[in-house]
Amino acid sequence: MLHRHLVGDGIDDDRAYRSTEVGKYHNTLIGPKEETEANKFAANLLMPRDAINRERARLNDDVSAMAGLFEVSRHAMSIRMGVPFTG
């Protein structure tokens, strides 16, 4: 959706899902700025702010319950809720 014009033939992702410097599709056009924008897009898509606020009140700020409801990691939900992640 975002940065489609930068992808070209593709990208190689490492285990952290970041474009790597090795592989068939090394892409120097995609950097930290584009990754941050993509992460924000994904957060808005998977965890819409209105739904987060509604369910947060209903579930008493329970990060694990929220993560389960939205089918995302507890770490991603902690970031979205603005609370420290307690692994």
N, C-alpha and C. Protein backbone atom coordinates (compact mmCIF):
# COMPACT_ATOMS: atom_id res chain seq x y z
N MET A 1 0.83 -1.19 0.00
CA MET A 1 0.00 0.00 0.00
C MET A 1 0.88 1.25 0.00
N LEU A 2 1.79 1.31 0.95
CA LEU A 2 2.74 2.42 1.00
C LEU A 2 4.02 2.01 0.28
N HIS A 3 4.68 2.94 -0.29
CA HIS A 3 6.01 2.72 -0.86
C HIS A 3 6.04 1.70 -1.99
N ARG A 4 4.92 1.44 -2.57
CA ARG A 4 4.87 0.47 -3.67
C ARG A 4 5.86 0.82 -4.77
N HIS A 5 6.00 2.12 -5.00
CA HIS A 5 6.91 2.58 -6.04
C HIS A 5 8.38 2.33 -5.69
N LEU A 6 8.69 2.05 -4.43
CA LEU A 6 10.06 1.79 -4.01
C LEU A 6 10.41 0.31 -4.00
N VAL A 7 9.42 -0.55 -4.04
CA VAL A 7 9.66 -1.98 -3.87
C VAL A 7 10.36 -2.58 -5.09
N GLY A 8 10.01 -2.16 -6.27
CA GLY A 8 10.64 -2.71 -7.47
C GLY A 8 10.34 -4.19 -7.61
N ASP A 9 11.38 -5.01 -7.75
CA ASP A 9 11.21 -6.46 -7.91
C ASP A 9 10.94 -7.16 -6.60
N GLY A 10 11.14 -6.47 -5.49
CA GLY A 10 10.90 -7.07 -4.17
C GLY A 10 11.93 -6.60 -3.17
N ILE A 11 11.84 -7.15 -1.97
CA ILE A 11 12.81 -6.86 -0.93
C ILE A 11 13.17 -8.16 -0.24
N ASP A 12 14.32 -8.17 0.38
CA ASP A 12 14.72 -9.29 1.23
C ASP A 12 14.54 -8.84 2.66
N ASP A 13 13.85 -9.62 3.47
CA ASP A 13 13.66 -9.31 4.87
C ASP A 13 14.51 -10.23 5.72
N ASP A 14 15.05 -9.69 6.79
CA ASP A 14 15.74 -10.54 7.75
C ASP A 14 14.73 -10.99 8.81
N ARG A 15 15.19 -11.59 9.85
CA ARG A 15 14.27 -12.09 10.87
C ARG A 15 13.50 -10.98 11.56
N ALA A 16 14.02 -9.77 11.54
CA ALA A 16 13.34 -8.64 12.16
C ALA A 16 12.44 -7.92 11.15
N TYR A 17 12.25 -8.52 9.97
CA TYR A 17 11.41 -7.95 8.92
C TYR A 17 11.89 -6.58 8.48
N ARG A 18 13.20 -6.48 8.31
CA ARG A 18 13.79 -5.25 7.79
C ARG A 18 14.58 -5.59 6.54
N SER A 19 14.61 -4.68 5.61
CA SER A 19 15.35 -4.91 4.38
C SER A 19 16.83 -5.11 4.71
N THR A 20 17.39 -6.17 4.19
CA THR A 20 18.77 -6.51 4.49
C THR A 20 19.71 -6.10 3.36
N GLU A 21 20.98 -6.16 3.63
CA GLU A 21 21.98 -5.80 2.63
C GLU A 21 22.45 -7.00 1.81
N VAL A 22 21.85 -8.13 2.02
CA VAL A 22 22.21 -9.32 1.27
C VAL A 22 20.97 -9.86 0.59
N GLY A 23 21.19 -10.70 -0.40
CA GLY A 23 20.06 -11.33 -1.05
C GLY A 23 19.79 -10.78 -2.42
N LYS A 24 18.89 -11.42 -3.08
CA LYS A 24 18.54 -11.11 -4.46
C LYS A 24 17.89 -9.74 -4.61
N TYR A 25 17.12 -9.31 -3.61
CA TYR A 25 16.32 -8.08 -3.73
C TYR A 25 16.81 -6.95 -2.83
N HIS A 26 18.09 -6.85 -2.57
CA HIS A 26 18.58 -5.75 -1.73
C HIS A 26 18.06 -4.43 -2.29
N ASN A 27 17.44 -3.65 -1.44
CA ASN A 27 16.78 -2.42 -1.88
C ASN A 27 17.24 -1.27 -0.99
N THR A 28 18.05 -0.39 -1.54
CA THR A 28 18.56 0.74 -0.77
C THR A 28 17.57 1.89 -0.69
N LEU A 29 16.44 1.79 -1.37
CA LEU A 29 15.45 2.87 -1.35
C LEU A 29 14.55 2.80 -0.12
N ILE A 30 14.53 1.66 0.54
CA ILE A 30 13.68 1.47 1.71
C ILE A 30 14.55 1.51 2.95
N GLY A 31 14.31 2.51 3.79
CA GLY A 31 15.12 2.69 4.99
C GLY A 31 14.26 2.85 6.23
N PRO A 32 14.83 3.33 7.30
CA PRO A 32 14.10 3.48 8.57
C PRO A 32 12.84 4.34 8.47
N LYS A 33 12.88 5.41 7.67
CA LYS A 33 11.70 6.28 7.53
C LYS A 33 10.54 5.49 6.94
N GLU A 34 10.80 4.72 5.90
CA GLU A 34 9.75 3.94 5.24
C GLU A 34 9.26 2.82 6.16
N GLU A 35 10.15 2.22 6.91
CA GLU A 35 9.75 1.17 7.84
C GLU A 35 8.83 1.73 8.93
N THR A 36 9.17 2.91 9.44
CA THR A 36 8.33 3.55 10.46
C THR A 36 6.96 3.87 9.90
N GLU A 37 6.91 4.40 8.70
CA GLU A 37 5.62 4.70 8.06
C GLU A 37 4.81 3.43 7.85
N ALA A 38 5.46 2.36 7.43
CA ALA A 38 4.76 1.08 7.23
C ALA A 38 4.24 0.52 8.55
N ASN A 39 5.02 0.65 9.62
CA ASN A 39 4.58 0.18 10.93
C ASN A 39 3.36 0.96 11.42
N LYS A 40 3.36 2.26 11.21
CA LYS A 40 2.21 3.07 11.61
C LYS A 40 0.97 2.70 10.80
N PHE A 41 1.15 2.47 9.51
CA PHE A 41 0.03 2.05 8.67
C PHE A 41 -0.55 0.73 9.18
N ALA A 42 0.33 -0.22 9.47
CA ALA A 42 -0.11 -1.53 9.95
C ALA A 42 -0.84 -1.40 11.29
N ALA A 43 -0.32 -0.58 12.18
CA ALA A 43 -0.97 -0.38 13.48
C ALA A 43 -2.36 0.19 13.32
N ASN A 44 -2.51 1.17 12.44
CA ASN A 44 -3.83 1.77 12.21
C ASN A 44 -4.79 0.78 11.57
N LEU A 45 -4.28 -0.10 10.74
CA LEU A 45 -5.12 -1.09 10.07
C LEU A 45 -5.55 -2.19 11.05
N LEU A 46 -4.59 -2.72 11.80
CA LEU A 46 -4.87 -3.85 12.69
C LEU A 46 -5.45 -3.45 14.04
N MET A 47 -5.13 -2.24 14.49
CA MET A 47 -5.56 -1.79 15.81
C MET A 47 -6.10 -0.37 15.72
N PRO A 48 -7.27 -0.19 15.11
CA PRO A 48 -7.82 1.17 14.96
C PRO A 48 -7.99 1.86 16.31
N ARG A 49 -7.61 3.12 16.37
CA ARG A 49 -7.62 3.88 17.63
C ARG A 49 -8.99 3.84 18.32
N ASP A 50 -10.09 4.03 17.60
CA ASP A 50 -11.42 4.01 18.23
C ASP A 50 -11.72 2.66 18.87
N ALA A 51 -11.38 1.59 18.16
CA ALA A 51 -11.62 0.24 18.70
C ALA A 51 -10.72 -0.02 19.91
N ILE A 52 -9.48 0.44 19.85
CA ILE A 52 -8.58 0.27 20.99
C ILE A 52 -9.14 0.98 22.22
N ASN A 53 -9.56 2.21 22.05
CA ASN A 53 -10.10 2.96 23.18
C ASN A 53 -11.35 2.31 23.76
N ARG A 54 -12.22 1.83 22.91
CA ARG A 54 -13.46 1.18 23.37
C ARG A 54 -13.14 -0.10 24.14
N GLU A 55 -12.32 -0.94 23.56
CA GLU A 55 -12.02 -2.23 24.19
C GLU A 55 -11.09 -2.09 25.39
N ARG A 56 -10.25 -1.10 25.37
CA ARG A 56 -9.35 -0.86 26.50
C ARG A 56 -10.15 -0.61 27.77
N ALA A 57 -11.19 0.19 27.67
CA ALA A 57 -12.03 0.47 28.83
C ALA A 57 -12.76 -0.80 29.27
N ARG A 58 -13.26 -1.56 28.32
CA ARG A 58 -14.01 -2.77 28.63
C ARG A 58 -13.12 -3.85 29.25
N LEU A 59 -11.86 -3.92 28.81
CA LEU A 59 -10.96 -4.98 29.28
C LEU A 59 -9.99 -4.49 30.36
N ASN A 60 -10.27 -3.32 30.93
CA ASN A 60 -9.47 -2.79 32.05
C ASN A 60 -7.97 -2.73 31.75
N ASP A 61 -7.62 -2.27 30.57
CA ASP A 61 -6.22 -2.08 30.18
C ASP A 61 -5.40 -3.36 30.21
N ASP A 62 -6.02 -4.51 30.05
CA ASP A 62 -5.30 -5.79 30.05
C ASP A 62 -4.65 -6.01 28.68
N VAL A 63 -3.33 -5.81 28.63
CA VAL A 63 -2.59 -5.89 27.37
C VAL A 63 -2.74 -7.26 26.73
N SER A 64 -2.63 -8.31 27.50
CA SER A 64 -2.74 -9.67 26.95
C SER A 64 -4.12 -9.92 26.34
N ALA A 65 -5.15 -9.50 27.04
CA ALA A 65 -6.51 -9.67 26.51
C ALA A 65 -6.71 -8.84 25.25
N MET A 66 -6.17 -7.64 25.25
CA MET A 66 -6.28 -6.78 24.07
C MET A 66 -5.55 -7.40 22.89
N ALA A 67 -4.35 -7.89 23.13
CA ALA A 67 -3.57 -8.51 22.07
C ALA A 67 -4.30 -9.71 21.49
N GLY A 68 -4.89 -10.52 22.36
CA GLY A 68 -5.66 -11.67 21.90
C GLY A 68 -6.86 -11.27 21.07
N LEU A 69 -7.56 -10.26 21.53
CA LEU A 69 -8.75 -9.79 20.82
C LEU A 69 -8.41 -9.28 19.42
N PHE A 70 -7.32 -8.53 19.30
CA PHE A 70 -6.93 -7.95 18.02
C PHE A 70 -5.99 -8.84 17.21
N GLU A 71 -5.64 -9.97 17.80
CA GLU A 71 -4.76 -10.95 17.14
C GLU A 71 -3.42 -10.34 16.72
N VAL A 72 -2.79 -9.64 17.66
CA VAL A 72 -1.47 -9.07 17.48
C VAL A 72 -0.61 -9.49 18.66
N SER A 73 0.68 -9.23 18.57
CA SER A 73 1.56 -9.58 19.68
C SER A 73 1.32 -8.65 20.87
N ARG A 74 1.69 -9.12 22.05
CA ARG A 74 1.58 -8.28 23.24
C ARG A 74 2.51 -7.07 23.12
N HIS A 75 3.64 -7.26 22.47
CA HIS A 75 4.57 -6.15 22.29
C HIS A 75 3.94 -5.07 21.40
N ALA A 76 3.33 -5.47 20.29
CA ALA A 76 2.68 -4.51 19.40
C ALA A 76 1.55 -3.79 20.13
N MET A 77 0.78 -4.53 20.91
CA MET A 77 -0.34 -3.91 21.64
C MET A 77 0.18 -2.95 22.69
N SER A 78 1.26 -3.30 23.37
CA SER A 78 1.84 -2.38 24.36
C SER A 78 2.24 -1.06 23.73
N ILE A 79 2.87 -1.16 22.56
CA ILE A 79 3.26 0.04 21.84
C ILE A 79 2.02 0.87 21.49
N ARG A 80 1.01 0.20 20.96
CA ARG A 80 -0.21 0.91 20.53
C ARG A 80 -0.91 1.56 21.72
N MET A 81 -0.90 0.88 22.87
CA MET A 81 -1.56 1.42 24.06
C MET A 81 -0.70 2.44 24.79
N GLY A 82 0.59 2.51 24.43
CA GLY A 82 1.48 3.47 25.08
C GLY A 82 1.87 3.07 26.48
N VAL A 83 1.96 1.77 26.71
CA VAL A 83 2.38 1.28 28.02
C VAL A 83 3.66 0.48 27.88
N PRO A 84 4.47 0.40 28.94
CA PRO A 84 5.72 -0.38 28.85
C PRO A 84 5.43 -1.86 28.58
N PHE A 85 6.28 -2.45 27.75
CA PHE A 85 6.15 -3.88 27.46
C PHE A 85 6.84 -4.67 28.55
N THR A 86 6.12 -5.61 29.11
CA THR A 86 6.68 -6.49 30.13
C THR A 86 6.67 -7.90 29.56
N GLY A 87 7.77 -8.23 28.89
CA GLY A 87 7.93 -9.49 28.17
C GLY A 87 7.59 -10.66 28.97
